[in-house]
Amino acid sequence: MAKVSVIIPVYNIEKYLRECLNSVRRQTLEELEIICIDDGSTDSSGSILDDYAKKDRRIHVIHKINEGYGKAMNTGLKIATAPYVGIVESDDRIASNMYEFLVQRIEQEKADIVKADFYEFYNDEEGTYIEEYVRLLPSEALQGLYEKTFNIRENKDAFRSYLATWSGLYSRDFLLRANILYNETPGASYQDQGFWLQTMIKAQRIHFVNKAFYYYRIDNHNSSMYDKGKVFAVRNEYCYMRKILEDMGEAGDEYYSWLNYLKISSCLTSLSRVADPYKKSLAECIKKDIWEAAESEELDASLFYNGQRAELFSLIASPGAYSKGVMEKRKRQERLLGDYDKIILYGAGKIGRMVQCMLKEGRLNTKIKSFAVTETENNPPVLSGIPVKQIRELTKYREKALIIICVGKKYMSEIDMILEKNGFKNRMTYKELLNE
């Protein structure tokens, strides 16, 4: 009898699919039902699934016409039979003990949901995994929610947790009782957000674990999160999420301000990803959403951090100027960095970390090969998942890599001389990248 039904939605992912399936098959908890939904793949994904099903009786493959992520996930949920449900995206992978640990925890806590931290990862051309630990609860103020069982009504700050549906485990009985399914809008994106909201507001017992088991790939540029054509999909999903609250009647009233916070934050993030011709239109829609939320008294400005409020004031003042600024910033980065497959950040201090975080916008951080230092003494071997190496260890990349000098003004000249001596021709300062 299966303990966990693992649902894997699959669409044209032949490059990464075997790695994903292998990680699920190698779980220390063997009592699995592995449900693979082939959503009309046109590459070899379907045949790969069939081959694996022949080797492992736990794998069940459903081939269907392409109807979108939400429909694929609902297909899997409706045929799942195990008491617990897990979700694995087909370009990701999981640690071998993930489900053994999470089953123990969900049963121990009698929880509806157990969620864990995760890793963001990518591969460089040499096959090395670069992995960064990501907390579900990024703020220090939220750390008290780890390792306790709570519900969202008593701890609404849990809405600030990462919108990850796949890093945990769900009670199937809970999903059935609460009638939780995905939005099935064909061709849409962001459909995991409506599922996430339903599970968070309808669960009586939620438990967050400060361990990581799930590896979330960030270098698959065919992922829907990079689809610049799906301009307003995020806003459409929030219309669906609003309907969820409306259907709850008075019980949903206390969540509208948080829904608007989540919607506006998600739209701001999407603004940097959509194609340039649509940026101004999306910015104008965000402004409209802000005013409508304010007029209906569903906007709580205190939920936004200071930096977010500053962004919103700028956008409200002029959606056109704001979207133009976003576009110019992105174009500048692409112009400076686009010709390089590898980036080395010289400096493993606060400035280097700041530049790494900045490059996460647009996932340009997947080009980072290493942090470089003059001497490794007093430096960690790894910083944010990225190796820290002496600059002389990296000379094999001097022809192809771009060096971004991430140190204060006092050390700029010294570092520049070291790079010149070691033959690194392609270099710039972090201030040049920031246009300062």
Protein backbone atom coordinates (compact mmCIF):
# COMPACT_ATOMS: atom_id res chain seq x y z
CA MET A 1 0.00 0.00 0.00
CA ALA A 2 1.46 3.35 -1.07
CA LYS A 3 2.16 5.95 1.62
CA VAL A 4 2.67 8.87 -0.77
CA SER A 5 1.22 9.65 -4.18
CA VAL A 6 3.90 11.67 -5.99
CA ILE A 7 2.42 13.70 -8.85
CA ILE A 8 4.82 14.72 -11.64
CA PRO A 9 3.37 16.94 -14.40
CA VAL A 10 5.38 16.53 -17.61
CA TYR A 11 5.53 18.61 -20.77
CA ASN A 12 8.47 18.63 -23.21
CA ILE A 13 11.15 18.18 -20.56
CA GLU A 14 13.27 15.37 -22.03
CA LYS A 15 16.55 17.06 -21.04
CA TYR A 16 15.91 16.85 -17.30
CA LEU A 17 13.24 14.16 -16.93
CA ARG A 18 15.48 11.16 -16.21
CA GLU A 19 17.27 13.01 -13.41
CA CYS A 20 13.92 13.87 -11.85
CA LEU A 21 12.52 10.33 -12.11
CA ASN A 22 15.70 8.78 -10.74
CA SER A 23 15.58 10.99 -7.65
CA VAL A 24 11.97 9.98 -6.95
CA ARG A 25 12.61 6.27 -7.52
CA ARG A 26 15.55 6.31 -5.10
CA GLN A 27 13.52 7.45 -2.11
CA THR A 28 14.29 5.65 1.13
CA LEU A 29 10.51 5.47 1.58
CA GLU A 30 9.69 2.83 -1.01
CA GLU A 31 5.89 2.82 -0.56
CA LEU A 32 5.25 5.32 -3.34
CA GLU A 33 2.69 5.74 -6.08
CA ILE A 34 4.42 7.80 -8.81
CA ILE A 35 1.81 9.42 -11.05
CA CYS A 36 3.30 10.98 -14.21
CA ILE A 37 0.93 13.13 -16.28
CA ASP A 38 2.23 13.55 -19.83
CA ASP A 39 0.41 16.70 -20.93
CA GLY A 40 0.71 16.16 -24.68
CA SER A 41 4.50 16.30 -24.94
CA THR A 42 5.85 16.51 -28.49
CA ASP A 43 9.43 15.54 -27.62
CA SER A 44 10.62 12.19 -26.21
CA SER A 45 9.23 12.82 -22.71
CA GLY A 46 6.32 10.43 -23.21
CA SER A 47 8.53 7.54 -24.33
CA ILE A 48 10.94 8.18 -21.45
CA LEU A 49 8.04 7.87 -19.02
CA ASP A 50 6.90 4.62 -20.65
CA ASP A 51 10.41 3.17 -20.40
CA TYR A 52 10.59 3.99 -16.70
CA ALA A 53 7.13 2.52 -16.09
CA LYS A 54 8.37 -0.79 -17.53
CA LYS A 55 11.24 -0.80 -15.02
CA ASP A 56 9.28 0.31 -11.94
CA ARG A 57 5.75 -0.92 -11.21
CA ARG A 58 5.18 2.10 -8.93
CA ILE A 59 5.18 4.44 -11.93
CA HIS A 60 1.82 5.10 -13.56
CA VAL A 61 1.81 7.15 -16.78
CA ILE A 62 -1.19 9.08 -18.05
CA HIS A 63 -0.87 10.38 -21.63
CA LYS A 64 -3.32 13.16 -22.44
CA ILE A 65 -3.78 16.05 -24.85
CA ASN A 66 -2.15 19.32 -23.90
CA GLU A 67 -4.56 21.21 -21.65
CA GLY A 68 -2.20 23.06 -19.32
CA TYR A 69 -0.58 22.67 -15.93
CA GLY A 70 -3.73 23.02 -13.84
CA LYS A 71 -5.61 20.29 -15.70
CA ALA A 72 -2.59 17.99 -15.53
CA MET A 73 -2.27 18.45 -11.78
CA ASN A 74 -5.99 17.89 -11.20
CA THR A 75 -5.80 14.70 -13.23
CA GLY A 76 -3.10 13.45 -10.89
CA LEU A 77 -4.93 14.55 -7.74
CA LYS A 78 -8.13 12.78 -8.80
CA ILE A 79 -6.46 9.40 -9.29
CA ALA A 80 -4.11 9.55 -6.28
CA THR A 81 -4.85 6.84 -3.68
CA ALA A 82 -2.19 7.26 -0.96
CA PRO A 83 -2.92 9.09 2.32
CA TYR A 84 -0.35 11.78 1.46
CA VAL A 85 0.35 13.72 -1.73
CA GLY A 86 3.68 15.11 -2.91
CA ILE A 87 4.43 17.23 -5.99
CA VAL A 88 7.65 17.16 -8.01
CA GLU A 89 8.20 19.38 -11.05
CA SER A 90 9.74 17.39 -13.89
CA ASP A 91 12.88 19.55 -14.22
CA ASP A 92 13.64 19.35 -10.48
CA ARG A 93 14.99 16.63 -8.20
CA ILE A 94 14.61 15.61 -4.55
CA ALA A 95 16.84 14.27 -1.78
CA SER A 96 16.57 10.52 -1.20
CA ASN A 97 15.13 10.87 2.32
CA MET A 98 12.59 13.60 1.55
CA TYR A 99 9.37 11.63 1.80
CA GLU A 100 10.50 9.37 4.63
CA PHE A 101 11.22 12.44 6.75
CA LEU A 102 8.08 14.35 5.77
CA VAL A 103 5.75 11.41 6.35
CA GLN A 104 7.17 10.98 9.84
CA ARG A 105 6.68 14.68 10.53
CA ILE A 106 3.15 15.02 9.11
CA GLU A 107 2.02 12.00 11.14
CA GLN A 108 3.78 13.20 14.27
CA GLU A 109 2.15 16.64 14.04
CA LYS A 110 -1.21 15.36 12.71
CA ALA A 111 -0.82 18.17 10.16
CA ASP A 112 -2.75 18.95 6.99
CA ILE A 113 0.43 20.30 5.38
CA VAL A 114 4.13 19.91 6.11
CA LYS A 115 6.53 22.13 4.16
CA ALA A 116 10.31 22.29 4.11
CA ASP A 117 12.99 24.68 2.93
CA PHE A 118 14.61 23.97 -0.45
CA TYR A 119 17.61 24.57 -2.67
CA GLU A 120 17.77 26.59 -5.86
CA PHE A 121 20.28 24.98 -8.19
CA TYR A 122 21.79 25.10 -11.63
CA ASN A 123 24.49 23.22 -13.53
CA ASP A 124 27.55 24.78 -15.09
CA GLU A 125 28.96 23.42 -18.35
CA GLU A 126 31.29 21.10 -16.45
CA GLY A 127 28.33 19.43 -14.77
CA THR A 128 28.93 20.97 -11.35
CA TYR A 129 25.83 21.63 -9.28
CA ILE A 130 25.67 25.09 -7.75
CA GLU A 131 23.10 25.00 -4.96
CA GLU A 132 21.81 27.78 -2.72
CA TYR A 133 19.75 27.09 0.40
CA VAL A 134 16.45 28.98 0.36
CA ARG A 135 14.29 29.46 3.44
CA LEU A 136 10.52 29.22 3.15
CA LEU A 137 10.46 32.01 5.71
CA PRO A 138 13.12 34.49 4.55
CA SER A 139 12.70 37.13 7.26
CA GLU A 140 14.37 36.79 10.65
CA ALA A 141 11.11 37.96 12.20
CA LEU A 142 9.37 34.83 10.88
CA GLN A 143 11.82 32.22 12.15
CA GLY A 144 9.57 31.44 15.11
CA LEU A 145 7.10 29.73 12.75
CA TYR A 146 9.54 26.92 12.06
CA GLU A 147 9.11 23.63 13.89
CA LYS A 148 5.68 24.56 15.27
CA THR A 149 2.17 23.70 14.12
CA PHE A 150 -0.12 26.65 13.42
CA ASN A 151 -2.94 27.92 11.23
CA ILE A 152 -2.93 31.00 9.08
CA ARG A 153 -5.64 32.83 11.03
CA GLU A 154 -3.35 33.05 14.03
CA ASN A 155 -0.17 33.68 12.04
CA LYS A 156 -1.00 35.67 8.92
CA ASP A 157 2.65 36.60 8.45
CA ALA A 158 3.02 33.06 7.06
CA PHE A 159 1.59 34.58 3.88
CA ARG A 160 5.12 35.95 3.44
CA SER A 161 6.46 32.43 3.02
CA TYR A 162 7.75 31.32 -0.37
CA LEU A 163 4.89 30.32 -2.69
CA ALA A 164 6.27 26.81 -3.10
CA THR A 165 3.71 24.05 -3.58
CA TRP A 166 6.28 21.32 -4.18
CA SER A 167 8.61 21.37 -1.16
CA GLY A 168 6.24 19.56 1.17
CA LEU A 169 3.53 17.00 1.70
CA TYR A 170 -0.28 17.25 1.87
CA SER A 171 -2.87 15.11 3.58
CA ARG A 172 -5.03 13.77 0.75
CA ASP A 173 -8.00 13.63 3.13
CA PHE A 174 -7.53 17.36 3.77
CA LEU A 175 -7.41 18.16 0.03
CA LEU A 176 -10.58 16.13 -0.56
CA ARG A 177 -12.51 17.59 2.40
CA ALA A 178 -11.58 21.15 1.42
CA ASN A 179 -12.23 20.45 -2.29
CA ILE A 180 -8.85 21.90 -3.24
CA LEU A 181 -7.97 21.73 -6.93
CA TYR A 182 -6.01 23.81 -9.44
CA ASN A 183 -7.36 26.48 -11.74
CA GLU A 184 -7.71 24.86 -15.18
CA THR A 185 -7.49 27.90 -17.46
CA PRO A 186 -5.90 26.46 -20.67
CA GLY A 187 -2.43 27.72 -21.45
CA ALA A 188 -2.19 29.86 -18.33
CA SER A 189 0.75 30.15 -15.93
CA TYR A 190 0.99 30.75 -12.18
CA GLN A 191 -1.74 28.16 -11.49
CA ASP A 192 0.20 26.86 -8.52
CA GLN A 193 -0.50 30.15 -6.72
CA GLY A 194 -4.24 29.49 -6.43
CA PHE A 195 -3.54 25.99 -5.10
CA TRP A 196 -1.06 27.46 -2.58
CA LEU A 197 -3.59 30.00 -1.33
CA GLN A 198 -6.31 27.39 -0.85
CA THR A 199 -4.05 25.07 1.11
CA MET A 200 -2.80 27.89 3.34
CA ILE A 201 -6.19 29.36 4.26
CA LYS A 202 -8.12 26.09 4.57
CA ALA A 203 -5.61 24.04 6.54
CA GLN A 204 -6.18 23.73 10.26
CA ARG A 205 -2.66 22.52 10.99
CA ILE A 206 0.40 23.75 9.04
CA HIS A 207 3.94 22.77 9.93
CA PHE A 208 7.17 24.28 8.51
CA VAL A 209 10.47 22.38 8.74
CA ASN A 210 13.82 24.19 8.71
CA LYS A 211 15.49 21.50 6.63
CA ALA A 212 15.78 21.31 2.84
CA PHE A 213 15.09 18.29 0.62
CA TYR A 214 13.81 19.73 -2.66
CA TYR A 215 16.10 21.02 -5.46
CA TYR A 216 14.43 23.67 -7.60
CA ARG A 217 16.09 24.18 -10.99
CA ILE A 218 16.60 27.78 -12.09
CA ASP A 219 18.51 27.28 -15.35
CA ASN A 220 15.66 25.83 -17.43
CA HIS A 221 14.81 28.80 -19.63
CA ASN A 222 11.92 26.89 -21.20
CA SER A 223 10.12 27.09 -17.86
CA SER A 224 6.78 28.93 -17.97
CA MET A 225 8.13 31.51 -15.53
CA TYR A 226 10.26 32.83 -18.43
CA ASP A 227 7.39 32.93 -20.94
CA LYS A 228 7.18 36.60 -21.85
CA GLY A 229 4.04 36.00 -23.91
CA LYS A 230 1.88 35.20 -20.89
CA VAL A 231 1.72 38.81 -19.91
CA PHE A 232 -1.32 39.00 -17.69
CA ALA A 233 -1.54 35.37 -16.54
CA VAL A 234 -0.58 36.34 -13.00
CA ARG A 235 -3.45 38.84 -12.77
CA ASN A 236 -5.90 36.26 -14.14
CA GLU A 237 -4.81 33.75 -11.50
CA TYR A 238 -5.49 36.32 -8.79
CA CYS A 239 -9.01 36.78 -10.14
CA TYR A 240 -9.43 33.05 -9.54
CA MET A 241 -7.95 33.43 -6.05
CA ARG A 242 -10.36 36.26 -5.27
CA LYS A 243 -13.27 34.02 -6.28
CA ILE A 244 -11.99 31.48 -3.73
CA LEU A 245 -12.31 34.09 -0.97
CA GLU A 246 -15.72 35.23 -2.21
CA ASP A 247 -16.99 31.66 -2.10
CA MET A 248 -15.91 31.49 1.55
CA GLY A 249 -18.28 34.35 2.47
CA GLU A 250 -17.48 36.14 5.72
CA ALA A 251 -14.74 33.62 6.50
CA GLY A 252 -12.76 34.98 3.55
CA ASP A 253 -13.09 38.66 4.45
CA GLU A 254 -10.00 38.76 6.66
CA TYR A 255 -7.73 37.71 3.78
CA TYR A 256 -8.46 40.36 1.12
CA SER A 257 -5.70 42.75 2.20
CA TRP A 258 -3.19 39.91 2.08
CA LEU A 259 -4.50 38.81 -1.31
CA ASN A 260 -3.88 42.32 -2.66
CA TYR A 261 -0.42 42.37 -1.11
CA LEU A 262 0.42 39.06 -2.81
CA LYS A 263 -1.11 40.13 -6.12
CA ILE A 264 0.69 43.47 -6.33
CA SER A 265 4.01 41.92 -5.25
CA SER A 266 3.69 39.16 -7.88
CA CYS A 267 2.79 41.65 -10.61
CA LEU A 268 5.82 43.80 -9.79
CA THR A 269 8.03 40.72 -10.14
CA SER A 270 6.34 39.79 -13.43
CA LEU A 271 6.95 43.28 -14.78
CA SER A 272 10.67 42.57 -15.12
CA ARG A 273 9.99 39.32 -17.02
CA VAL A 274 7.36 40.23 -19.60
CA ALA A 275 8.33 41.33 -23.11
CA ASP A 276 9.18 45.02 -23.39
CA PRO A 277 6.13 46.02 -25.51
CA TYR A 278 3.84 44.89 -22.67
CA LYS A 279 5.64 46.44 -19.71
CA LYS A 280 3.79 49.76 -19.77
CA SER A 281 0.38 48.07 -20.09
CA LEU A 282 1.12 45.81 -17.14
CA ALA A 283 2.38 48.77 -15.08
CA GLU A 284 -0.86 50.64 -15.80
CA CYS A 285 -2.86 47.57 -14.71
CA ILE A 286 -0.90 47.40 -11.48
CA LYS A 287 -1.68 51.07 -10.81
CA LYS A 288 -5.37 50.36 -11.43
CA ASP A 289 -5.24 47.38 -9.06
CA ILE A 290 -3.68 49.53 -6.33
CA TRP A 291 -6.34 52.24 -6.62
CA GLU A 292 -9.19 49.73 -6.68
CA ALA A 293 -7.83 47.96 -3.61
CA ALA A 294 -7.46 51.29 -1.81
CA GLU A 295 -10.98 52.46 -2.71
CA SER A 296 -12.48 49.18 -1.46
CA GLU A 297 -10.44 49.48 1.75
CA GLU A 298 -8.63 46.24 0.95
CA LEU A 299 -5.14 47.76 0.72
CA ASP A 300 -2.98 47.66 3.84
CA ALA A 301 0.16 49.66 3.09
CA SER A 302 1.82 48.39 6.28
CA LEU A 303 2.11 44.91 4.73
CA PHE A 304 4.63 46.23 2.19
CA TYR A 305 8.28 46.72 3.11
CA ASN A 306 9.81 50.20 2.78
CA GLY A 307 11.51 49.32 -0.51
CA GLN A 308 8.27 47.95 -1.94
CA ARG A 309 6.35 51.08 -0.94
CA ALA A 310 8.93 53.23 -2.69
CA GLU A 311 8.53 51.12 -5.85
CA LEU A 312 4.74 51.46 -5.68
CA PHE A 313 4.84 55.25 -5.23
CA SER A 314 7.13 55.51 -8.26
CA LEU A 315 4.84 53.33 -10.36
CA ILE A 316 1.68 55.20 -9.32
CA ALA A 317 3.30 58.55 -10.16
CA SER A 318 4.08 57.42 -13.72
CA PRO A 319 3.53 53.86 -14.97
CA GLY A 320 5.22 54.78 -18.25
CA ALA A 321 8.38 56.16 -16.64
CA TYR A 322 8.52 53.29 -14.17
CA SER A 323 8.19 50.60 -16.84
CA LYS A 324 10.76 52.42 -19.00
CA GLY A 325 13.18 52.37 -16.06
CA VAL A 326 12.67 48.62 -15.59
CA MET A 327 13.22 48.06 -19.30
CA GLU A 328 16.37 50.19 -19.44
CA LYS A 329 17.85 48.48 -16.39
CA ARG A 330 17.27 45.07 -17.92
CA LYS A 331 18.64 46.10 -21.31
CA ARG A 332 21.74 47.55 -19.69
CA GLN A 333 22.45 44.33 -17.84
CA GLU A 334 21.90 42.26 -20.98
CA ARG A 335 24.13 44.57 -22.99
CA LEU A 336 26.95 44.34 -20.46
CA LEU A 337 26.61 40.66 -19.60
CA GLY A 338 24.91 39.06 -22.60
CA ASP A 339 28.09 38.08 -24.44
CA TYR A 340 29.48 36.10 -21.52
CA ASP A 341 28.54 32.57 -20.50
CA LYS A 342 30.56 32.84 -17.28
CA ILE A 343 30.76 35.54 -14.64
CA ILE A 344 33.26 35.66 -11.78
CA LEU A 345 32.60 38.00 -8.86
CA TYR A 346 35.91 39.23 -7.43
CA GLY A 347 35.14 39.82 -3.80
CA ALA A 348 33.26 37.57 -1.37
CA GLY A 349 32.04 40.29 0.96
CA LYS A 350 28.85 42.33 1.17
CA ILE A 351 29.33 43.89 -2.26
CA GLY A 352 29.83 40.54 -3.99
CA ARG A 353 26.74 39.15 -2.28
CA MET A 354 24.76 42.25 -3.28
CA VAL A 355 25.76 41.84 -6.95
CA GLN A 356 24.83 38.15 -6.85
CA CYS A 357 21.38 39.05 -5.50
CA MET A 358 20.97 41.74 -8.14
CA LEU A 359 21.79 39.26 -10.91
CA LYS A 360 19.00 36.97 -9.71
CA GLU A 361 16.60 39.25 -11.55
CA GLY A 362 16.23 37.58 -14.92
CA ARG A 363 18.22 34.62 -13.55
CA LEU A 364 21.51 36.10 -14.74
CA ASN A 365 22.98 34.60 -11.57
CA THR A 366 23.08 31.24 -13.35
CA LYS A 367 26.11 32.58 -15.22
CA ILE A 368 28.13 32.99 -12.02
CA LYS A 369 30.96 30.45 -11.99
CA SER A 370 32.69 31.45 -8.77
CA PHE A 371 33.48 34.12 -6.23
CA ALA A 372 37.16 35.05 -6.54
CA VAL A 373 39.47 36.19 -3.74
CA THR A 374 43.16 36.99 -3.57
CA GLU A 375 43.67 34.56 -0.68
CA THR A 376 41.16 32.01 0.63
CA GLU A 377 42.26 32.41 4.27
CA ASN A 378 39.40 33.83 6.37
CA ASN A 379 36.96 33.24 3.51
CA PRO A 380 34.35 30.45 3.41
CA PRO A 381 34.82 27.69 0.79
CA VAL A 382 31.27 28.31 -0.47
CA LEU A 383 29.12 31.45 -0.36
CA SER A 384 25.40 31.26 -1.18
CA GLY A 385 26.05 27.94 -2.89
CA ILE A 386 28.82 29.35 -5.12
CA PRO A 387 32.46 28.18 -4.75
CA VAL A 388 34.98 30.69 -3.38
CA LYS A 389 38.37 30.27 -5.09
CA GLN A 390 41.67 32.06 -5.34
CA ILE A 391 41.88 34.09 -8.53
CA ARG A 392 44.90 32.08 -9.72
CA GLU A 393 42.73 28.94 -9.66
CA LEU A 394 40.42 30.53 -12.21
CA THR A 395 42.90 31.56 -14.90
CA LYS A 396 41.55 28.90 -17.28
CA TYR A 397 38.50 31.14 -17.66
CA ARG A 398 40.39 34.36 -18.34
CA GLU A 399 39.53 34.42 -22.06
CA LYS A 400 35.80 33.70 -21.73
CA ALA A 401 34.69 34.93 -18.32
CA LEU A 402 33.69 38.42 -17.28
CA ILE A 403 35.14 39.57 -13.97
CA ILE A 404 32.97 41.94 -11.94
CA ILE A 405 35.14 43.64 -9.30
CA CYS A 406 33.07 43.71 -6.11
CA VAL A 407 35.24 45.55 -3.60
CA GLY A 408 35.36 49.04 -2.11
CA LYS A 409 37.18 51.94 -3.74
CA LYS A 410 40.23 51.41 -1.51
CA TYR A 411 41.02 48.05 -3.13
CA MET A 412 39.87 48.67 -6.73
CA SER A 413 43.30 49.54 -8.15
CA GLU A 414 45.01 46.60 -6.42
CA ILE A 415 42.46 44.11 -7.76
CA ASP A 416 42.66 45.60 -11.23
CA MET A 417 46.44 45.10 -11.22
CA ILE A 418 46.07 41.47 -10.07
CA LEU A 419 43.63 40.78 -12.90
CA GLU A 420 45.91 42.44 -15.44
CA LYS A 421 48.86 40.37 -14.19
CA ASN A 422 46.84 37.14 -14.50
CA GLY A 423 45.65 37.94 -18.01
CA PHE A 424 41.95 38.65 -17.33
CA LYS A 425 40.92 41.06 -20.08
CA ASN A 426 37.15 41.15 -19.59
CA ARG A 427 36.41 43.05 -16.42
CA MET A 428 34.29 45.82 -15.00
CA THR A 429 33.54 47.27 -11.58
CA TYR A 430 30.24 46.70 -9.81
CA LYS A 431 29.66 50.47 -10.08
CA GLU A 432 29.76 50.21 -13.87
CA LEU A 433 27.12 47.48 -13.65
CA LEU A 434 25.00 49.68 -11.39
CA ASN A 435 25.58 52.65 -13.71
CA GLU A 436 26.96 54.77 -10.89
